[in-house]
Amino acid sequence: MKIAFLGNGPFAAPALRSLHEAGQSIALVVARPDRPQGKHQTIEPGPVAKATTELGLPLRQPESVNTDEFIAELMALQLDLLVVADFGQILSSKCLSVARLGGVNIHGSLLPKYRGAAPIAWAIYHGETETGVSILQMTPKMDAGGVIAKQTFAIPATANAAEVEAELSKIGAKLIVDVCKKLETAPLEPEPQNPTQVTLAPKLTKEQGRLNWNRTAKQVFDQFRAMTPWPGVFFEWTNAKGQTQRLRVSEMNVVDDGVGTPGQVLSADSTGIRVATAGGNVVIERLHPAGGKEMSAADYLRGRPIPPGTKLA
């Protein structure tokens, strides 16, 4: 089939590579425009754009795929199918109509659960033990089309969002190749989603990385896993001089000993910063001060002791 692939990040790139290796005709790859990234705001292509260059495929990076000009460009390719993964734009009915078979989307959840931009992170945040990948027929409504294929994945108890995404990307890459092979000889047979079982997975914000000590220790740890690598989790504390310090957490574990009010520091020593939650406690072992480098909690405490009883925010 003649395919246009629309995607951006690490979840999407393996699917592009697999389709190319399987011999599908990738007429065009569409990715978001390159944006400044990181502390130094350097402009680098995303994973899909990089893979496209490596594979020698044509690449376009429009601000929007729904303009009349870009739709005309797609229409001129006489496409059979649009394949979309981790793209970040909702395609209009007019855009979807440019391909003979419309569009299919590779989504990182077991739909209808976790529709939206961050399904992997929210599944981990809510303590799910299982997630998966769904291939769905696209409609102009976000992640609402019928499901064509689905595969489950057991979430490891300590895996973070990046680690789960890496595994799901492999599943999605295999599933989309299978779906495309079937579409060469048979029409789509999507299964409608049950609207009563829909849950949402909205785009993450930086503030959602603020640790919520009013959750249980396991739930705090799940928040840490869900928000790694982005936006990352953090807390703030105020020293004796009234200065507020913000610390990003890079390593944390659940512990059971010690009792205190949520957010209270129980101890802060060479083993780390032990903090009470609404049920159980966590120990922060590595952290990243604002404007500084990552270090062990013990190293941080040598110069900036946090007295037991301090309330973290």
C-alpha atoms as a PDB file:
ATOM      1  CA  MET A   1       0.000   0.000   0.000  1.00  0.00           C
ATOM      2  CA  LYS A   2       0.950   3.618  -0.459  1.00  0.00           C
ATOM      3  CA  ILE A   3       1.187   5.148   3.013  1.00  0.00           C
ATOM      4  CA  ALA A   4       1.780   8.539   4.600  1.00  0.00           C
ATOM      5  CA  PHE A   5       3.186   8.190   8.123  1.00  0.00           C
ATOM      6  CA  LEU A   6       2.473  10.962  10.644  1.00  0.00           C
ATOM      7  CA  GLY A   7       4.399  10.889  13.933  1.00  0.00           C
ATOM      8  CA  ASN A   8       7.007  12.517  16.122  1.00  0.00           C
ATOM      9  CA  GLY A   9       8.448  10.894  19.213  1.00  0.00           C
ATOM     10  CA  PRO A  10      10.090   7.680  20.432  1.00  0.00           C
ATOM     11  CA  PHE A  11       6.765   5.835  20.549  1.00  0.00           C
ATOM     12  CA  ALA A  12       6.260   6.371  16.812  1.00  0.00           C
ATOM     13  CA  ALA A  13       9.738   5.866  15.332  1.00  0.00           C
ATOM     14  CA  PRO A  14       9.858   2.026  15.646  1.00  0.00           C
ATOM     15  CA  ALA A  15       6.563   1.759  13.746  1.00  0.00           C
ATOM     16  CA  LEU A  16       7.968   3.809  10.863  1.00  0.00           C
ATOM     17  CA  ARG A  17      11.054   1.611  10.714  1.00  0.00           C
ATOM     18  CA  SER A  18       9.001  -1.592  10.849  1.00  0.00           C
ATOM     19  CA  LEU A  19       6.673  -0.508   8.051  1.00  0.00           C
ATOM     20  CA  HIS A  20       9.663   0.394   5.893  1.00  0.00           C
ATOM     21  CA  GLU A  21      11.402  -2.927   6.644  1.00  0.00           C
ATOM     22  CA  ALA A  22       8.164  -4.799   5.856  1.00  0.00           C
ATOM     23  CA  GLY A  23       8.200  -3.341   2.347  1.00  0.00           C
ATOM     24  CA  GLN A  24       5.282  -0.938   2.660  1.00  0.00           C
ATOM     25  CA  SER A  25       5.521   2.063   0.312  1.00  0.00           C
ATOM     26  CA  ILE A  26       6.057   5.119   2.520  1.00  0.00           C
ATOM     27  CA  ALA A  27       5.215   7.962   0.160  1.00  0.00           C
ATOM     28  CA  LEU A  28       5.690  10.673   2.788  1.00  0.00           C
ATOM     29  CA  VAL A  29       6.565  11.109   6.458  1.00  0.00           C
ATOM     30  CA  VAL A  30       5.004  14.037   8.310  1.00  0.00           C
ATOM     31  CA  ALA A  31       6.455  15.264  11.611  1.00  0.00           C
ATOM     32  CA  ARG A  32       6.060  18.354  13.747  1.00  0.00           C
ATOM     33  CA  PRO A  33       8.404  21.250  13.027  1.00  0.00           C
ATOM     34  CA  ASP A  34      11.682  21.064  14.955  1.00  0.00           C
ATOM     35  CA  ARG A  35      11.509  23.144  18.146  1.00  0.00           C
ATOM     36  CA  PRO A  36      14.156  24.461  20.571  1.00  0.00           C
ATOM     37  CA  GLN A  37      14.800  21.818  23.228  1.00  0.00           C
ATOM     38  CA  GLY A  38      16.424  21.665  26.653  1.00  0.00           C
ATOM     39  CA  LYS A  39      18.274  24.159  28.796  1.00  0.00           C
ATOM     40  CA  HIS A  40      20.238  25.608  25.887  1.00  0.00           C
ATOM     41  CA  GLN A  41      17.227  25.638  23.517  1.00  0.00           C
ATOM     42  CA  THR A  42      19.047  23.809  20.748  1.00  0.00           C
ATOM     43  CA  ILE A  43      17.026  22.795  17.712  1.00  0.00           C
ATOM     44  CA  GLU A  44      17.224  19.094  16.929  1.00  0.00           C
ATOM     45  CA  PRO A  45      14.980  16.823  14.865  1.00  0.00           C
ATOM     46  CA  GLY A  46      12.720  14.432  16.778  1.00  0.00           C
ATOM     47  CA  PRO A  47      12.981  10.627  16.635  1.00  0.00           C
ATOM     48  CA  VAL A  48      10.665  10.263  13.628  1.00  0.00           C
ATOM     49  CA  ALA A  49      12.384  13.033  11.671  1.00  0.00           C
ATOM     50  CA  LYS A  50      15.773  11.426  12.419  1.00  0.00           C
ATOM     51  CA  ALA A  51      14.546   7.980  11.364  1.00  0.00           C
ATOM     52  CA  THR A  52      13.099   9.443   8.162  1.00  0.00           C
ATOM     53  CA  THR A  53      16.463  10.915   7.190  1.00  0.00           C
ATOM     54  CA  GLU A  54      18.256   7.654   7.992  1.00  0.00           C
ATOM     55  CA  LEU A  55      15.796   5.677   5.858  1.00  0.00           C
ATOM     56  CA  GLY A  56      16.025   8.139   2.973  1.00  0.00           C
ATOM     57  CA  LEU A  57      12.300   8.883   2.980  1.00  0.00           C
ATOM     58  CA  PRO A  58      10.645  12.208   2.041  1.00  0.00           C
ATOM     59  CA  LEU A  59       9.822  14.411   5.042  1.00  0.00           C
ATOM     60  CA  ARG A  60       7.451  17.347   5.543  1.00  0.00           C
ATOM     61  CA  GLN A  61       7.041  19.330   8.770  1.00  0.00           C
ATOM     62  CA  PRO A  62       4.053  21.675   8.398  1.00  0.00           C
ATOM     63  CA  GLU A  63       2.619  23.669  11.291  1.00  0.00           C
ATOM     64  CA  SER A  64      -0.752  22.071  10.557  1.00  0.00           C
ATOM     65  CA  VAL A  65      -1.824  19.155   8.395  1.00  0.00           C
ATOM     66  CA  ASN A  66      -5.361  20.500   8.150  1.00  0.00           C
ATOM     67  CA  THR A  67      -4.686  23.458   5.845  1.00  0.00           C
ATOM     68  CA  ASP A  68      -6.120  23.323   2.333  1.00  0.00           C
ATOM     69  CA  GLU A  69      -2.606  23.624   0.892  1.00  0.00           C
ATOM     70  CA  PHE A  70      -1.216  20.621   2.759  1.00  0.00           C
ATOM     71  CA  ILE A  71      -4.327  18.518   2.187  1.00  0.00           C
ATOM     72  CA  ALA A  72      -3.925  19.150  -1.536  1.00  0.00           C
ATOM     73  CA  GLU A  73      -0.322  17.973  -1.224  1.00  0.00           C
ATOM     74  CA  LEU A  74      -1.453  14.730   0.410  1.00  0.00           C
ATOM     75  CA  MET A  75      -4.235  14.208  -2.095  1.00  0.00           C
ATOM     76  CA  ALA A  76      -1.796  14.444  -4.985  1.00  0.00           C
ATOM     77  CA  LEU A  77       0.050  11.396  -3.591  1.00  0.00           C
ATOM     78  CA  GLN A  78      -2.993   9.147  -4.194  1.00  0.00           C
ATOM     79  CA  LEU A  79      -2.569   7.438  -0.831  1.00  0.00           C
ATOM     80  CA  ASP A  80      -4.104   4.190   0.352  1.00  0.00           C
ATOM     81  CA  LEU A  81      -3.677   4.837   4.078  1.00  0.00           C
ATOM     82  CA  LEU A  82      -2.581   7.340   6.724  1.00  0.00           C
ATOM     83  CA  VAL A  83      -0.727   5.796   9.675  1.00  0.00           C
ATOM     84  CA  VAL A  84      -0.540   8.067  12.728  1.00  0.00           C
ATOM     85  CA  ALA A  85       1.359   7.669  16.010  1.00  0.00           C
ATOM     86  CA  ASP A  86       2.282  10.198  18.709  1.00  0.00           C
ATOM     87  CA  PHE A  87       1.521  13.071  16.340  1.00  0.00           C
ATOM     88  CA  GLY A  88      -0.179  15.666  18.537  1.00  0.00           C
ATOM     89  CA  GLN A  89      -2.712  16.960  16.010  1.00  0.00           C
ATOM     90  CA  ILE A  90      -6.305  15.859  15.465  1.00  0.00           C
ATOM     91  CA  LEU A  91      -6.829  15.271  11.750  1.00  0.00           C
ATOM     92  CA  SER A  92      -9.923  16.833  10.197  1.00  0.00           C
ATOM     93  CA  SER A  93     -12.437  14.812   8.178  1.00  0.00           C
ATOM     94  CA  LYS A  94     -11.083  16.473   5.040  1.00  0.00           C
ATOM     95  CA  CYS A  95      -7.529  15.440   5.906  1.00  0.00           C
ATOM     96  CA  LEU A  96      -8.558  11.847   6.682  1.00  0.00           C
ATOM     97  CA  SER A  97     -10.370  11.633   3.356  1.00  0.00           C
ATOM     98  CA  VAL A  98      -7.157  12.039   1.321  1.00  0.00           C
ATOM     99  CA  ALA A  99      -6.404   8.306   1.677  1.00  0.00           C
ATOM    100  CA  ARG A 100      -8.534   5.549   0.152  1.00  0.00           C
ATOM    101  CA  LEU A 101      -8.803   3.721   3.502  1.00  0.00           C
ATOM    102  CA  GLY A 102      -8.674   6.780   5.747  1.00  0.00           C
ATOM    103  CA  GLY A 103      -6.365   6.729   8.751  1.00  0.00           C
ATOM    104  CA  VAL A 104      -5.341   4.368  11.543  1.00  0.00           C
ATOM    105  CA  ASN A 105      -3.744   5.434  14.811  1.00  0.00           C
ATOM    106  CA  ILE A 106      -1.310   3.553  17.065  1.00  0.00           C
ATOM    107  CA  HIS A 107      -2.345   4.403  20.642  1.00  0.00           C
ATOM    108  CA  GLY A 108      -0.534   3.451  23.855  1.00  0.00           C
ATOM    109  CA  SER A 109      -3.447   2.157  25.922  1.00  0.00           C
ATOM    110  CA  LEU A 110      -6.200  -0.436  25.929  1.00  0.00           C
ATOM    111  CA  LEU A 111      -8.976   1.733  24.541  1.00  0.00           C
ATOM    112  CA  PRO A 112     -11.459   3.029  25.556  1.00  0.00           C
ATOM    113  CA  LYS A 113      -9.295   3.587  28.675  1.00  0.00           C
ATOM    114  CA  TYR A 114      -6.885   6.520  28.582  1.00  0.00           C
ATOM    115  CA  ARG A 115      -7.845   8.443  25.487  1.00  0.00           C
ATOM    116  CA  GLY A 116      -5.598  11.437  24.985  1.00  0.00           C
ATOM    117  CA  ALA A 117      -2.039  12.707  24.794  1.00  0.00           C
ATOM    118  CA  ALA A 118      -0.416  10.907  27.767  1.00  0.00           C
ATOM    119  CA  PRO A 119      -1.960   7.430  28.133  1.00  0.00           C
ATOM    120  CA  ILE A 120       1.181   5.718  29.428  1.00  0.00           C
ATOM    121  CA  ALA A 121       1.890   8.250  32.165  1.00  0.00           C
ATOM    122  CA  TRP A 122      -1.691   8.317  33.452  1.00  0.00           C
ATOM    123  CA  ALA A 123      -1.974   4.523  33.480  1.00  0.00           C
ATOM    124  CA  ILE A 124       1.118   4.358  35.719  1.00  0.00           C
ATOM    125  CA  TYR A 125      -0.055   7.304  37.858  1.00  0.00           C
ATOM    126  CA  HIS A 126      -3.324   5.514  38.600  1.00  0.00           C
ATOM    127  CA  GLY A 127      -1.543   2.317  39.584  1.00  0.00           C
ATOM    128  CA  GLU A 128      -2.580   0.190  36.623  1.00  0.00           C
ATOM    129  CA  THR A 129      -0.813  -3.171  36.431  1.00  0.00           C
ATOM    130  CA  GLU A 130      -1.731  -3.696  32.775  1.00  0.00           C
ATOM    131  CA  THR A 131      -1.863  -1.514  29.695  1.00  0.00           C
ATOM    132  CA  GLY A 132      -1.214  -2.143  26.014  1.00  0.00           C
ATOM    133  CA  VAL A 133      -1.492  -0.858  22.474  1.00  0.00           C
ATOM    134  CA  SER A 134      -4.609  -0.306  20.390  1.00  0.00           C
ATOM    135  CA  ILE A 135      -4.777   0.277  16.638  1.00  0.00           C
ATOM    136  CA  LEU A 136      -7.912   2.265  15.895  1.00  0.00           C
ATOM    137  CA  GLN A 137      -9.696   3.650  12.886  1.00  0.00           C
ATOM    138  CA  MET A 138      -9.368   7.416  12.979  1.00  0.00           C
ATOM    139  CA  THR A 139     -12.224   9.889  13.218  1.00  0.00           C
ATOM    140  CA  PRO A 140     -12.108  13.668  13.773  1.00  0.00           C
ATOM    141  CA  LYS A 141     -12.857  12.993  17.474  1.00  0.00           C
ATOM    142  CA  MET A 142      -9.854  12.206  19.671  1.00  0.00           C
ATOM    143  CA  ASP A 143      -9.150   8.447  19.959  1.00  0.00           C
ATOM    144  CA  ALA A 144     -12.830   7.632  19.498  1.00  0.00           C
ATOM    145  CA  GLY A 145     -12.786   5.354  16.453  1.00  0.00           C
ATOM    146  CA  GLY A 146     -13.341   1.627  16.404  1.00  0.00           C
ATOM    147  CA  VAL A 147     -10.488  -0.636  17.494  1.00  0.00           C
ATOM    148  CA  ILE A 148      -8.918  -2.823  14.790  1.00  0.00           C
ATOM    149  CA  ALA A 149      -6.249  -4.595  16.850  1.00  0.00           C
ATOM    150  CA  LYS A 150      -5.154  -4.672  20.486  1.00  0.00           C
ATOM    151  CA  GLN A 151      -2.399  -6.253  22.586  1.00  0.00           C
ATOM    152  CA  THR A 152      -1.921  -6.152  26.362  1.00  0.00           C
ATOM    153  CA  PHE A 153       1.270  -5.514  28.330  1.00  0.00           C
ATOM    154  CA  ALA A 154       1.931  -6.141  32.043  1.00  0.00           C
ATOM    155  CA  ILE A 155       3.457  -3.029  33.605  1.00  0.00           C
ATOM    156  CA  PRO A 156       6.534  -3.901  35.698  1.00  0.00           C
ATOM    157  CA  ALA A 157       6.130  -2.693  39.292  1.00  0.00           C
ATOM    158  CA  THR A 158       9.090  -0.295  39.172  1.00  0.00           C
ATOM    159  CA  ALA A 159       9.078   0.728  35.482  1.00  0.00           C
ATOM    160  CA  ASN A 160       8.792   4.413  34.641  1.00  0.00           C
ATOM    161  CA  ALA A 161       6.910   5.970  31.731  1.00  0.00           C
ATOM    162  CA  ALA A 162       9.916   5.998  29.403  1.00  0.00           C
ATOM    163  CA  GLU A 163      10.609   2.306  30.033  1.00  0.00           C
ATOM    164  CA  VAL A 164       6.982   1.304  29.452  1.00  0.00           C
ATOM    165  CA  GLU A 165       6.814   3.488  26.334  1.00  0.00           C
ATOM    166  CA  ALA A 166       9.865   1.692  24.901  1.00  0.00           C
ATOM    167  CA  GLU A 167       8.141  -1.682  25.301  1.00  0.00           C
ATOM    168  CA  LEU A 168       4.809  -0.462  23.945  1.00  0.00           C
ATOM    169  CA  SER A 169       6.522   1.073  20.914  1.00  0.00           C
ATOM    170  CA  LYS A 170       7.790  -2.406  19.978  1.00  0.00           C
ATOM    171  CA  ILE A 171       4.287  -3.844  20.315  1.00  0.00           C
ATOM    172  CA  GLY A 172       2.824  -1.007  18.246  1.00  0.00           C
ATOM    173  CA  ALA A 173       5.446  -1.515  15.538  1.00  0.00           C
ATOM    174  CA  LYS A 174       4.526  -5.188  15.172  1.00  0.00           C
ATOM    175  CA  LEU A 175       0.773  -4.598  15.341  1.00  0.00           C
ATOM    176  CA  ILE A 176       0.733  -1.917  12.642  1.00  0.00           C
ATOM    177  CA  VAL A 177       2.684  -4.132  10.228  1.00  0.00           C
ATOM    178  CA  ASP A 178       0.158  -6.934  10.804  1.00  0.00           C
ATOM    179  CA  VAL A 179      -2.770  -4.546  10.309  1.00  0.00           C
ATOM    180  CA  CYS A 180      -1.342  -3.161   7.068  1.00  0.00           C
ATOM    181  CA  LYS A 181      -0.777  -6.653   5.686  1.00  0.00           C
ATOM    182  CA  LYS A 182      -4.399  -7.548   6.407  1.00  0.00           C
ATOM    183  CA  LEU A 183      -5.630  -4.330   4.802  1.00  0.00           C
ATOM    184  CA  GLU A 184      -3.962  -5.295   1.550  1.00  0.00           C
ATOM    185  CA  THR A 185      -6.580  -8.027   1.071  1.00  0.00           C
ATOM    186  CA  ALA A 186      -9.495  -7.263   3.417  1.00  0.00           C
ATOM    187  CA  PRO A 187     -11.418  -4.198   4.627  1.00  0.00           C
ATOM    188  CA  LEU A 188     -11.220  -2.757   8.132  1.00  0.00           C
ATOM    189  CA  GLU A 189     -13.410  -4.456  10.739  1.00  0.00           C
ATOM    190  CA  PRO A 190     -13.238  -2.070  13.691  1.00  0.00           C
ATOM    191  CA  GLU A 191     -14.911  -2.881  17.018  1.00  0.00           C
ATOM    192  CA  PRO A 192     -16.773   0.144  18.433  1.00  0.00           C
ATOM    193  CA  GLN A 193     -15.549   1.453  21.777  1.00  0.00           C
ATOM    194  CA  ASN A 194     -17.865   1.263  24.772  1.00  0.00           C
ATOM    195  CA  PRO A 195     -18.562   4.929  25.674  1.00  0.00           C
ATOM    196  CA  THR A 196     -19.356   4.026  29.301  1.00  0.00           C
ATOM    197  CA  GLN A 197     -15.771   2.812  29.817  1.00  0.00           C
ATOM    198  CA  VAL A 198     -13.991   5.877  28.449  1.00  0.00           C
ATOM    199  CA  THR A 199     -11.299   7.475  30.631  1.00  0.00           C
ATOM    200  CA  LEU A 200      -9.056  10.386  29.658  1.00  0.00           C
ATOM    201  CA  ALA A 201      -5.292  10.930  29.635  1.00  0.00           C
ATOM    202  CA  PRO A 202      -4.745  14.668  29.117  1.00  0.00           C
ATOM    203  CA  LYS A 203      -1.443  16.283  28.224  1.00  0.00           C
ATOM    204  CA  LEU A 204       0.957  16.549  31.172  1.00  0.00           C
ATOM    205  CA  THR A 205       1.918  19.891  32.706  1.00  0.00           C
ATOM    206  CA  LYS A 206       4.992  20.780  34.764  1.00  0.00           C
ATOM    207  CA  GLU A 207       2.888  21.390  37.873  1.00  0.00           C
ATOM    208  CA  GLN A 208       1.630  17.789  37.775  1.00  0.00           C
ATOM    209  CA  GLY A 209       5.172  16.847  38.743  1.00  0.00           C
ATOM    210  CA  ARG A 210       4.736  18.391  42.221  1.00  0.00           C
ATOM    211  CA  LEU A 211       4.713  15.444  44.622  1.00  0.00           C
ATOM    212  CA  ASN A 212       1.370  14.897  46.313  1.00  0.00           C
ATOM    213  CA  TRP A 213       2.170  13.722  49.817  1.00  0.00           C
ATOM    214  CA  ASN A 214      -1.534  13.162  50.544  1.00  0.00           C
ATOM    215  CA  ARG A 215      -1.370   9.986  48.453  1.00  0.00           C
ATOM    216  CA  THR A 216      -0.083   6.697  49.854  1.00  0.00           C
ATOM    217  CA  ALA A 217       3.606   5.823  49.572  1.00  0.00           C
ATOM    218  CA  LYS A 218       2.904   3.513  46.646  1.00  0.00           C
ATOM    219  CA  GLN A 219       0.861   6.214  44.923  1.00  0.00           C
ATOM    220  CA  VAL A 220       3.641   8.777  45.448  1.00  0.00           C
ATOM    221  CA  PHE A 221       6.081   6.288  43.918  1.00  0.00           C
ATOM    222  CA  ASP A 222       3.629   5.737  41.042  1.00  0.00           C
ATOM    223  CA  GLN A 223       3.566   9.503  40.472  1.00  0.00           C
ATOM    224  CA  PHE A 224       7.372   9.497  40.355  1.00  0.00           C
ATOM    225  CA  ARG A 225       7.341   6.645  37.812  1.00  0.00           C
ATOM    226  CA  ALA A 226       4.579   8.246  35.722  1.00  0.00           C
ATOM    227  CA  MET A 227       6.266  11.639  35.468  1.00  0.00           C
ATOM    228  CA  THR A 228       9.704  10.246  34.544  1.00  0.00           C
ATOM    229  CA  PRO A 229      11.287  11.494  32.365  1.00  0.00           C
ATOM    230  CA  TRP A 230       8.870  14.427  31.856  1.00  0.00           C
ATOM    231  CA  PRO A 231       7.879  16.621  33.567  1.00  0.00           C
ATOM    232  CA  GLY A 232       9.810  14.994  36.422  1.00  0.00           C
ATOM    233  CA  VAL A 233       8.676  15.132  40.062  1.00  0.00           C
ATOM    234  CA  PHE A 234       9.736  17.777  42.549  1.00  0.00           C
ATOM    235  CA  PHE A 235       9.109  19.168  46.011  1.00  0.00           C
ATOM    236  CA  GLU A 236       9.918  22.405  47.810  1.00  0.00           C
ATOM    237  CA  TRP A 237      11.125  23.135  51.333  1.00  0.00           C
ATOM    238  CA  THR A 238      11.908  26.360  53.177  1.00  0.00           C
ATOM    239  CA  ASN A 239      15.187  26.698  55.084  1.00  0.00           C
ATOM    240  CA  ALA A 240      15.864  28.612  58.307  1.00  0.00           C
ATOM    241  CA  LYS A 241      16.549  31.806  56.338  1.00  0.00           C
ATOM    242  CA  GLY A 242      13.097  31.654  54.756  1.00  0.00           C
ATOM    243  CA  GLN A 243      14.498  30.654  51.365  1.00  0.00           C
ATOM    244  CA  THR A 244      12.430  28.205  49.338  1.00  0.00           C
ATOM    245  CA  GLN A 245      14.400  25.431  47.688  1.00  0.00           C
ATOM    246  CA  ARG A 246      12.974  23.374  44.795  1.00  0.00           C
ATOM    247  CA  LEU A 247      14.413  19.875  44.342  1.00  0.00           C
ATOM    248  CA  ARG A 248      13.708  17.495  41.482  1.00  0.00           C
ATOM    249  CA  VAL A 249      13.717  13.824  42.509  1.00  0.00           C
ATOM    250  CA  SER A 250      15.670  11.369  40.360  1.00  0.00           C
ATOM    251  CA  GLU A 251      15.569   8.277  42.592  1.00  0.00           C
ATOM    252  CA  MET A 252      12.975   7.223  45.156  1.00  0.00           C
ATOM    253  CA  ASN A 253      11.809   4.073  46.943  1.00  0.00           C
ATOM    254  CA  VAL A 254       8.938   3.012  49.189  1.00  0.00           C
ATOM    255  CA  VAL A 255       9.639   2.178  52.843  1.00  0.00           C
ATOM    256  CA  ASP A 256       7.321   1.140  55.667  1.00  0.00           C
ATOM    257  CA  ASP A 257       8.925   2.296  58.904  1.00  0.00           C
ATOM    258  CA  GLY A 258       8.189   5.618  60.599  1.00  0.00           C
ATOM    259  CA  VAL A 259       4.968   7.531  61.196  1.00  0.00           C
ATOM    260  CA  GLY A 260       4.233  11.189  60.502  1.00  0.00           C
ATOM    261  CA  THR A 261       1.870  13.613  58.817  1.00  0.00           C
ATOM    262  CA  PRO A 262       1.886  13.686  54.995  1.00  0.00           C
ATOM    263  CA  GLY A 263       4.867  15.646  53.691  1.00  0.00           C
ATOM    264  CA  GLN A 264       6.772  15.591  57.000  1.00  0.00           C
ATOM    265  CA  VAL A 265      10.485  14.756  56.912  1.00  0.00           C
ATOM    266  CA  LEU A 266      11.053  11.860  59.300  1.00  0.00           C
ATOM    267  CA  SER A 267      14.810  11.709  58.849  1.00  0.00           C
ATOM    268  CA  ALA A 268      17.434  13.178  56.536  1.00  0.00           C
ATOM    269  CA  ASP A 269      20.808  11.455  56.676  1.00  0.00           C
ATOM    270  CA  SER A 270      23.220   9.281  54.690  1.00  0.00           C
ATOM    271  CA  THR A 271      20.387   6.911  53.679  1.00  0.00           C
ATOM    272  CA  GLY A 272      18.357   9.715  52.105  1.00  0.00           C
ATOM    273  CA  ILE A 273      15.376  11.906  52.918  1.00  0.00           C
ATOM    274  CA  ARG A 274      12.586   9.883  54.498  1.00  0.00           C
ATOM    275  CA  VAL A 275       9.148  11.461  54.052  1.00  0.00           C
ATOM    276  CA  ALA A 276       5.745  10.499  55.449  1.00  0.00           C
ATOM    277  CA  THR A 277       2.760  10.106  53.133  1.00  0.00           C
ATOM    278  CA  ALA A 278      -0.928   9.390  53.726  1.00  0.00           C
ATOM    279  CA  GLY A 279       0.016   5.720  54.132  1.00  0.00           C
ATOM    280  CA  GLY A 280       3.596   4.530  54.528  1.00  0.00           C
ATOM    281  CA  ASN A 281       6.729   6.474  53.688  1.00  0.00           C
ATOM    282  CA  VAL A 282       9.147   7.070  50.838  1.00  0.00           C
ATOM    283  CA  VAL A 283      12.875   7.672  50.844  1.00  0.00           C
ATOM    284  CA  ILE A 284      14.406  10.101  48.348  1.00  0.00           C
ATOM    285  CA  GLU A 285      17.862   8.840  47.409  1.00  0.00           C
ATOM    286  CA  ARG A 286      18.940  11.109  44.533  1.00  0.00           C
ATOM    287  CA  LEU A 287      17.861  14.612  43.585  1.00  0.00           C
ATOM    288  CA  HIS A 288      18.585  17.545  41.328  1.00  0.00           C
ATOM    289  CA  PRO A 289      18.648  21.058  42.834  1.00  0.00           C
ATOM    290  CA  ALA A 290      17.390  23.874  40.605  1.00  0.00           C
ATOM    291  CA  GLY A 291      20.314  25.237  38.612  1.00  0.00           C
ATOM    292  CA  GLY A 292      22.668  22.536  39.905  1.00  0.00           C
ATOM    293  CA  LYS A 293      23.751  19.024  39.032  1.00  0.00           C
ATOM    294  CA  GLU A 294      22.178  15.737  40.060  1.00  0.00           C
ATOM    295  CA  MET A 295      23.570  14.272  43.280  1.00  0.00           C
ATOM    296  CA  SER A 296      22.813  11.826  46.048  1.00  0.00           C
ATOM    297  CA  ALA A 297      20.510  13.075  48.786  1.00  0.00           C
ATOM    298  CA  ALA A 298      23.375  12.475  51.233  1.00  0.00           C
ATOM    299  CA  ASP A 299      25.646  14.849  49.285  1.00  0.00           C
ATOM    300  CA  TYR A 300      22.937  17.506  49.160  1.00  0.00           C
ATOM    301  CA  LEU A 301      22.335  17.251  52.911  1.00  0.00           C
ATOM    302  CA  ARG A 302      26.010  17.796  53.756  1.00  0.00           C
ATOM    303  CA  GLY A 303      25.743  21.428  52.746  1.00  0.00           C
ATOM    304  CA  ARG A 304      22.025  21.996  53.228  1.00  0.00           C
ATOM    305  CA  PRO A 305      20.672  19.911  56.118  1.00  0.00           C
ATOM    306  CA  ILE A 306      16.918  19.417  56.259  1.00  0.00           C
ATOM    307  CA  PRO A 307      15.801  19.104  59.912  1.00  0.00           C
ATOM    308  CA  PRO A 308      13.416  16.234  60.767  1.00  0.00           C
ATOM    309  CA  GLY A 309       9.907  17.612  61.133  1.00  0.00           C
ATOM    310  CA  THR A 310      10.295  19.927  58.126  1.00  0.00           C
ATOM    311  CA  LYS A 311       7.127  20.018  56.029  1.00  0.00           C
ATOM    312  CA  LEU A 312       7.677  19.567  52.298  1.00  0.00           C
ATOM    313  CA  ALA A 313       5.387  21.180  49.736  1.00  0.00           C
END
